[in-house]
C-alpha atoms as a PDB file:
ATOM      1  CA  MET A   1      10.772  -3.206  52.124  1.00  0.00           C
ATOM      2  CA  ALA A   2      10.876   0.592  52.454  1.00  0.00           C
ATOM      3  CA  ALA A   3      14.655   0.564  52.102  1.00  0.00           C
ATOM      4  CA  ALA A   4      14.376  -1.496  48.914  1.00  0.00           C
ATOM      5  CA  LEU A   5      12.306   1.255  47.333  1.00  0.00           C
ATOM      6  CA  ALA A   6      14.719   3.937  48.506  1.00  0.00           C
ATOM      7  CA  LEU A   7      11.775   6.161  49.351  1.00  0.00           C
ATOM      8  CA  PRO A   8      12.112   6.865  53.111  1.00  0.00           C
ATOM      9  CA  ASN A   9       8.904   7.080  55.155  1.00  0.00           C
ATOM     10  CA  LEU A  10       6.611   7.219  52.105  1.00  0.00           C
ATOM     11  CA  PHE A  11       5.293   3.702  52.691  1.00  0.00           C
ATOM     12  CA  ASP A  12       4.944   3.874  56.454  1.00  0.00           C
ATOM     13  CA  VAL A  13       1.282   3.178  57.096  1.00  0.00           C
ATOM     14  CA  GLU A  14       1.298   5.741  59.860  1.00  0.00           C
ATOM     15  CA  GLU A  15       2.281   8.506  57.405  1.00  0.00           C
ATOM     16  CA  SER A  16      -0.138  10.421  55.243  1.00  0.00           C
ATOM     17  CA  LEU A  17      -1.675   8.283  52.497  1.00  0.00           C
ATOM     18  CA  THR A  18      -1.519  11.324  50.228  1.00  0.00           C
ATOM     19  CA  ALA A  19       2.253  10.969  50.123  1.00  0.00           C
ATOM     20  CA  LEU A  20       1.864   7.325  49.216  1.00  0.00           C
ATOM     21  CA  LEU A  21      -0.570   8.085  46.404  1.00  0.00           C
ATOM     22  CA  ASP A  22       1.644  10.843  45.044  1.00  0.00           C
ATOM     23  CA  THR A  23       4.476   8.303  44.806  1.00  0.00           C
ATOM     24  CA  VAL A  24       2.708   5.953  42.397  1.00  0.00           C
ATOM     25  CA  GLU A  25       4.481   7.304  39.302  1.00  0.00           C
ATOM     26  CA  LEU A  26       7.881   6.883  40.995  1.00  0.00           C
ATOM     27  CA  VAL A  27       7.480   3.137  41.441  1.00  0.00           C
ATOM     28  CA  ALA A  28       9.704   1.101  39.120  1.00  0.00           C
ATOM     29  CA  PRO A  29       8.223  -2.059  37.532  1.00  0.00           C
ATOM     30  CA  ASP A  30      10.336  -4.325  39.739  1.00  0.00           C
ATOM     31  CA  GLN A  31       9.098  -2.486  42.842  1.00  0.00           C
ATOM     32  CA  GLU A  32       5.418  -2.573  41.976  1.00  0.00           C
ATOM     33  CA  GLN A  33       4.573  -5.720  43.959  1.00  0.00           C
ATOM     34  CA  ALA A  34       6.244  -4.319  47.089  1.00  0.00           C
ATOM     35  CA  PHE A  35       4.390  -1.047  46.566  1.00  0.00           C
ATOM     36  CA  LEU A  36       1.082  -2.887  46.289  1.00  0.00           C
ATOM     37  CA  GLU A  37       1.757  -4.694  49.549  1.00  0.00           C
ATOM     38  CA  ASP A  38       2.425  -1.425  51.358  1.00  0.00           C
ATOM     39  CA  PHE A  39      -0.546   0.204  49.666  1.00  0.00           C
ATOM     40  CA  ALA A  40      -2.807  -2.633  50.770  1.00  0.00           C
ATOM     41  CA  ALA A  41      -1.495  -2.295  54.321  1.00  0.00           C
ATOM     42  CA  ALA A  42      -2.125   1.442  54.316  1.00  0.00           C
ATOM     43  CA  LEU A  43      -5.578   1.058  52.803  1.00  0.00           C
ATOM     44  CA  THR A  44      -6.659  -1.548  55.346  1.00  0.00           C
ATOM     45  CA  THR A  45      -5.201   0.197  58.395  1.00  0.00           C
ATOM     46  CA  ALA A  46      -7.915   2.796  58.953  1.00  0.00           C
ATOM     47  CA  THR A  47     -11.093   4.087  57.382  1.00  0.00           C
ATOM     48  CA  ASP A  48      -9.682   7.590  57.042  1.00  0.00           C
ATOM     49  CA  LYS A  49      -7.071   6.214  54.653  1.00  0.00           C
ATOM     50  CA  ARG A  50      -9.828   4.769  52.492  1.00  0.00           C
ATOM     51  CA  ASP A  51     -11.495   8.175  52.482  1.00  0.00           C
ATOM     52  CA  ARG A  52      -8.251   9.698  51.277  1.00  0.00           C
ATOM     53  CA  VAL A  53      -8.123   7.228  48.374  1.00  0.00           C
ATOM     54  CA  ALA A  54     -11.717   8.049  47.484  1.00  0.00           C
ATOM     55  CA  GLY A  55     -10.877  11.729  47.687  1.00  0.00           C
ATOM     56  CA  LYS A  56      -7.881  11.287  45.432  1.00  0.00           C
ATOM     57  CA  LEU A  57     -10.000   9.450  42.847  1.00  0.00           C
ATOM     58  CA  ALA A  58     -12.643  12.178  43.004  1.00  0.00           C
ATOM     59  CA  LYS A  59      -9.961  14.824  42.482  1.00  0.00           C
ATOM     60  CA  LEU A  60      -8.552  13.003  39.470  1.00  0.00           C
ATOM     61  CA  GLU A  61     -12.024  12.637  37.963  1.00  0.00           C
ATOM     62  CA  ALA A  62     -12.669  16.340  38.530  1.00  0.00           C
ATOM     63  CA  GLN A  63      -9.360  17.228  36.869  1.00  0.00           C
ATOM     64  CA  GLN A  64     -10.259  15.123  33.839  1.00  0.00           C
ATOM     65  CA  ALA A  65     -13.703  16.716  33.592  1.00  0.00           C
ATOM     66  CA  TYR A  66     -12.129  20.168  33.838  1.00  0.00           C
ATOM     67  CA  ALA A  67      -9.562  19.280  31.160  1.00  0.00           C
ATOM     68  CA  ALA A  68     -12.302  17.931  28.881  1.00  0.00           C
ATOM     69  CA  GLY A  69     -14.254  21.149  29.326  1.00  0.00           C
ATOM     70  CA  GLU A  70     -11.182  23.234  28.566  1.00  0.00           C
ATOM     71  CA  ILE A  71     -10.424  21.172  25.480  1.00  0.00           C
ATOM     72  CA  LYS A  72     -13.979  21.681  24.211  1.00  0.00           C
ATOM     73  CA  ARG A  73     -13.829  25.411  24.972  1.00  0.00           C
ATOM     74  CA  LEU A  74     -10.483  25.789  23.199  1.00  0.00           C
ATOM     75  CA  GLN A  75     -11.676  23.758  20.213  1.00  0.00           C
ATOM     76  CA  GLU A  76     -14.703  26.035  19.896  1.00  0.00           C
ATOM     77  CA  PHE A  77     -12.457  29.082  20.258  1.00  0.00           C
ATOM     78  CA  LYS A  78     -10.150  27.691  17.556  1.00  0.00           C
ATOM     79  CA  ARG A  79     -13.066  27.025  15.192  1.00  0.00           C
ATOM     80  CA  SER A  80     -14.380  30.543  15.770  1.00  0.00           C
ATOM     81  CA  ALA A  81     -10.953  32.094  15.107  1.00  0.00           C
ATOM     82  CA  GLU A  82     -10.533  29.978  11.963  1.00  0.00           C
ATOM     83  CA  ALA A  83     -13.953  31.067  10.678  1.00  0.00           C
ATOM     84  CA  GLN A  84     -13.193  34.731  11.358  1.00  0.00           C
ATOM     85  CA  GLN A  85      -9.828  34.455   9.625  1.00  0.00           C
ATOM     86  CA  ALA A  86     -11.347  32.751   6.595  1.00  0.00           C
ATOM     87  CA  ARG A  87     -14.056  35.420   6.354  1.00  0.00           C
ATOM     88  CA  LEU A  88     -11.570  38.286   6.673  1.00  0.00           C
ATOM     89  CA  GLU A  89      -9.201  36.705   4.152  1.00  0.00           C
ATOM     90  CA  GLY A  90     -12.144  36.370   1.780  1.00  0.00           C
ATOM     91  CA  TYR A  91     -12.873  40.082   2.095  1.00  0.00           C
ATOM     92  CA  VAL A  92      -9.224  41.009   1.460  1.00  0.00           C
ATOM     93  CA  THR A  93      -9.086  38.644  -1.520  1.00  0.00           C
ATOM     94  CA  TYR A  94     -12.201  40.299  -2.952  1.00  0.00           C
ATOM     95  CA  VAL A  95     -10.613  43.735  -2.647  1.00  0.00           C
ATOM     96  CA  ILE A  96      -7.358  42.643  -4.297  1.00  0.00           C
ATOM     97  CA  GLN A  97      -9.191  40.935  -7.147  1.00  0.00           C
ATOM     98  CA  ARG A  98     -11.206  44.102  -7.710  1.00  0.00           C
ATOM     99  CA  LEU A  99      -7.932  45.972  -8.185  1.00  0.00           C
ATOM    100  CA  GLY A 100      -7.127  43.643 -11.064  1.00  0.00           C
ATOM    101  CA  LYS A 101      -3.741  42.452 -12.320  1.00  0.00           C
ATOM    102  CA  ASP A 102      -0.716  44.484 -13.282  1.00  0.00           C
ATOM    103  CA  ALA A 103       1.022  44.574 -16.672  1.00  0.00           C
ATOM    104  CA  LYS A 104       2.823  41.327 -15.824  1.00  0.00           C
ATOM    105  CA  GLY A 105      -0.443  39.533 -15.136  1.00  0.00           C
ATOM    106  CA  LYS A 106       0.035  39.433 -11.364  1.00  0.00           C
ATOM    107  CA  TRP A 107      -2.481  40.497  -8.766  1.00  0.00           C
ATOM    108  CA  ARG A 108      -1.758  43.914  -7.327  1.00  0.00           C
ATOM    109  CA  LYS A 109      -0.601  44.115  -3.716  1.00  0.00           C
ATOM    110  CA  LEU A 110      -1.990  46.017  -0.779  1.00  0.00           C
ATOM    111  CA  GLU A 111       1.022  47.585   0.894  1.00  0.00           C
ATOM    112  CA  GLY A 112       0.926  49.099   4.368  1.00  0.00           C
ATOM    113  CA  ASN A 113       3.629  50.739   6.448  1.00  0.00           C
ATOM    114  CA  THR A 114       4.879  47.479   7.944  1.00  0.00           C
ATOM    115  CA  SER A 115       3.068  44.744   6.064  1.00  0.00           C
ATOM    116  CA  THR A 116       1.950  43.651   2.599  1.00  0.00           C
ATOM    117  CA  LEU A 117      -1.115  41.670   1.563  1.00  0.00           C
ATOM    118  CA  SER A 118      -1.016  39.823  -1.743  1.00  0.00           C
ATOM    119  CA  LEU A 119      -2.454  36.841  -3.576  1.00  0.00           C
ATOM    120  CA  ARG A 120      -0.447  33.768  -4.545  1.00  0.00           C
ATOM    121  CA  ALA A 121      -1.686  31.256  -7.079  1.00  0.00           C
ATOM    122  CA  CYS A 122      -2.400  27.793  -5.701  1.00  0.00           C
ATOM    123  CA  ALA A 123      -1.377  24.593  -7.412  1.00  0.00           C
ATOM    124  CA  ALA A 124      -3.994  23.168  -9.749  1.00  0.00           C
ATOM    125  CA  SER A 125      -6.482  20.967  -7.901  1.00  0.00           C
ATOM    126  CA  VAL A 126      -9.323  18.642  -8.798  1.00  0.00           C
ATOM    127  CA  GLU A 127     -12.926  19.653  -8.144  1.00  0.00           C
ATOM    128  CA  VAL A 128     -15.568  16.939  -8.271  1.00  0.00           C
ATOM    129  CA  VAL A 129     -18.574  18.436 -10.038  1.00  0.00           C
ATOM    130  CA  ASN A 130     -20.753  15.315 -10.001  1.00  0.00           C
ATOM    131  CA  GLN A 131     -19.341  12.223  -8.319  1.00  0.00           C
ATOM    132  CA  SER A 132     -21.906   9.900  -9.906  1.00  0.00           C
ATOM    133  CA  ASP A 133     -20.486  10.795 -13.331  1.00  0.00           C
ATOM    134  CA  VAL A 134     -16.899   9.941 -12.378  1.00  0.00           C
ATOM    135  CA  PRO A 135     -15.867   6.595 -13.973  1.00  0.00           C
ATOM    136  CA  ASN A 136     -15.161   3.686 -11.618  1.00  0.00           C
ATOM    137  CA  ASP A 137     -11.515   3.708 -12.671  1.00  0.00           C
ATOM    138  CA  TYR A 138     -11.167   6.961 -10.753  1.00  0.00           C
ATOM    139  CA  THR A 139     -12.984   6.012  -7.564  1.00  0.00           C
ATOM    140  CA  ARG A 140     -12.168   3.894  -4.537  1.00  0.00           C
ATOM    141  CA  SER A 141     -14.739   1.929  -2.553  1.00  0.00           C
ATOM    142  CA  ILE A 142     -14.435   1.611   1.195  1.00  0.00           C
ATOM    143  CA  VAL A 143     -16.501  -1.186   2.694  1.00  0.00           C
ATOM    144  CA  THR A 144     -16.996  -1.800   6.413  1.00  0.00           C
ATOM    145  CA  LEU A 145     -18.159  -5.308   7.276  1.00  0.00           C
ATOM    146  CA  PRO A 146     -18.529  -7.423  10.406  1.00  0.00           C
ATOM    147  CA  THR A 147     -15.505  -9.672  10.886  1.00  0.00           C
ATOM    148  CA  ALA A 148     -17.685 -12.787  10.657  1.00  0.00           C
ATOM    149  CA  MET A 149     -19.007 -11.669   7.288  1.00  0.00           C
ATOM    150  CA  LEU A 150     -15.505 -10.914   6.063  1.00  0.00           C
ATOM    151  CA  SER A 151     -14.534 -14.471   6.985  1.00  0.00           C
ATOM    152  CA  ASP A 152     -17.517 -15.726   4.977  1.00  0.00           C
ATOM    153  CA  ILE A 153     -16.418 -13.690   1.972  1.00  0.00           C
ATOM    154  CA  LEU A 154     -12.886 -15.036   2.105  1.00  0.00           C
ATOM    155  CA  GLY A 155     -14.146 -18.563   2.607  1.00  0.00           C
ATOM    156  CA  VAL A 156     -16.413 -18.648  -0.417  1.00  0.00           C
ATOM    157  CA  LEU A 157     -14.467 -16.288  -2.683  1.00  0.00           C
ATOM    158  CA  ALA A 158     -13.348 -19.196  -4.858  1.00  0.00           C
ATOM    159  CA  ASP A 159     -16.874 -20.527  -5.229  1.00  0.00           C
ATOM    160  CA  CYS A 160     -19.338 -17.641  -5.247  1.00  0.00           C
ATOM    161  CA  THR A 161     -23.029 -18.517  -5.527  1.00  0.00           C
ATOM    162  CA  PRO A 162     -26.159 -16.443  -6.148  1.00  0.00           C
ATOM    163  CA  ARG A 163     -27.353 -17.322  -2.643  1.00  0.00           C
ATOM    164  CA  PHE A 164     -24.152 -15.914  -1.176  1.00  0.00           C
ATOM    165  CA  TYR A 165     -24.529 -12.678  -3.080  1.00  0.00           C
ATOM    166  CA  GLU A 166     -28.161 -12.334  -2.031  1.00  0.00           C
ATOM    167  CA  ARG A 167     -27.066 -12.567   1.599  1.00  0.00           C
ATOM    168  CA  VAL A 168     -24.055 -10.272   1.354  1.00  0.00           C
ATOM    169  CA  ALA A 169     -25.113  -7.629  -1.192  1.00  0.00           C
ATOM    170  CA  PRO A 170     -27.518  -5.683   1.095  1.00  0.00           C
ATOM    171  CA  GLU A 171     -24.895  -5.425   3.847  1.00  0.00           C
ATOM    172  CA  VAL A 172     -22.246  -4.300   1.363  1.00  0.00           C
ATOM    173  CA  ALA A 173     -24.566  -1.714  -0.171  1.00  0.00           C
ATOM    174  CA  SER A 174     -25.468  -0.272   3.227  1.00  0.00           C
ATOM    175  CA  THR A 175     -21.836   0.265   4.217  1.00  0.00           C
ATOM    176  CA  LEU A 176     -20.363   1.204   0.854  1.00  0.00           C
ATOM    177  CA  LYS A 177     -18.499   4.509   0.706  1.00  0.00           C
ATOM    178  CA  ILE A 178     -17.072   5.743  -2.575  1.00  0.00           C
ATOM    179  CA  GLU A 179     -14.302   8.336  -2.794  1.00  0.00           C
ATOM    180  CA  VAL A 180     -12.828   9.954  -5.882  1.00  0.00           C
ATOM    181  CA  ASP A 181      -9.117   9.333  -6.428  1.00  0.00           C
ATOM    182  CA  LYS A 182      -8.222  12.946  -7.189  1.00  0.00           C
ATOM    183  CA  ARG A 183      -4.584  12.117  -7.882  1.00  0.00           C
ATOM    184  CA  ALA A 184      -5.600   9.731 -10.664  1.00  0.00           C
ATOM    185  CA  VAL A 185      -8.076  12.256 -12.015  1.00  0.00           C
ATOM    186  CA  LYS A 186      -5.465  15.019 -12.043  1.00  0.00           C
ATOM    187  CA  ALA A 187      -2.909  12.803 -13.774  1.00  0.00           C
ATOM    188  CA  THR A 188      -5.404  12.014 -16.527  1.00  0.00           C
ATOM    189  CA  ILE A 189      -6.423  15.641 -17.011  1.00  0.00           C
ATOM    190  CA  ASP A 190      -2.776  16.746 -16.992  1.00  0.00           C
ATOM    191  CA  ALA A 191      -2.217  14.220 -19.774  1.00  0.00           C
ATOM    192  CA  GLY A 192      -4.794  16.062 -21.867  1.00  0.00           C
ATOM    193  CA  GLU A 193      -7.800  13.795 -21.319  1.00  0.00           C
ATOM    194  CA  ALA A 194     -11.116  14.756 -19.767  1.00  0.00           C
ATOM    195  CA  VAL A 195     -12.655  12.917 -16.818  1.00  0.00           C
ATOM    196  CA  ALA A 196     -16.440  12.977 -16.555  1.00  0.00           C
ATOM    197  CA  GLY A 197     -17.777  14.512 -13.369  1.00  0.00           C
ATOM    198  CA  ALA A 198     -14.549  16.303 -12.481  1.00  0.00           C
ATOM    199  CA  LYS A 199     -12.521  19.287 -13.576  1.00  0.00           C
ATOM    200  CA  LEU A 200      -9.170  20.888 -12.866  1.00  0.00           C
ATOM    201  CA  VAL A 201      -9.292  24.198 -10.997  1.00  0.00           C
ATOM    202  CA  THR A 202      -6.345  26.448 -11.805  1.00  0.00           C
ATOM    203  CA  ASP A 203      -7.504  29.883 -10.647  1.00  0.00           C
ATOM    204  CA  LYS A 204      -7.494  29.400  -6.873  1.00  0.00           C
ATOM    205  CA  THR A 205      -5.407  31.782  -4.824  1.00  0.00           C
ATOM    206  CA  THR A 206      -4.267  32.066  -1.236  1.00  0.00           C
ATOM    207  CA  LEU A 207      -3.744  35.252   0.708  1.00  0.00           C
ATOM    208  CA  VAL A 208      -0.136  36.000   1.656  1.00  0.00           C
ATOM    209  CA  ARG A 209       0.681  38.294   4.547  1.00  0.00           C
ATOM    210  CA  LYS A 210       4.221  39.647   4.928  1.00  0.00           C
END
């Protein structure tokens, strides 16, 4: 059996179980059953081997907990750095805008010895002023329903009754989420038509650092 796995001594029940556990990821699918047989033999040979398995599991759990803590710490660090960057960029943007635009209508630059700070115009974007005023043609509804209820809806779709609506309407209303289709809104405004509850913002800028 050990020769079939081509892993000398690793599955000898007299050897350290740590070596056996560290070999798990090296086991090919067609060798897994043989590995399990050797693992079972090692695990049932002596109580100290069981303790080693328990220790290995505890170590893996501790590693996961440590990784989760590091992930949380790094996420918080990232959020803090992002907030500081946004605040600082806001201050620089304020200063540049106070300098005004040049004769060509462009924002003036802040030039240093090795770098330049400037403002670049952003593409026009849609700002929703009042979502309740946006026509239904420009919104999308996202409904989350239990699977059983969805089956009911599909089953009676061809023959809706007031009783059905009385049963379903409250559930639909409680899970309804409406989002504005900003692409559709922008296309309409670009075509020269107004859309209630929304407007096109064309004066946004982003800070460029070179």
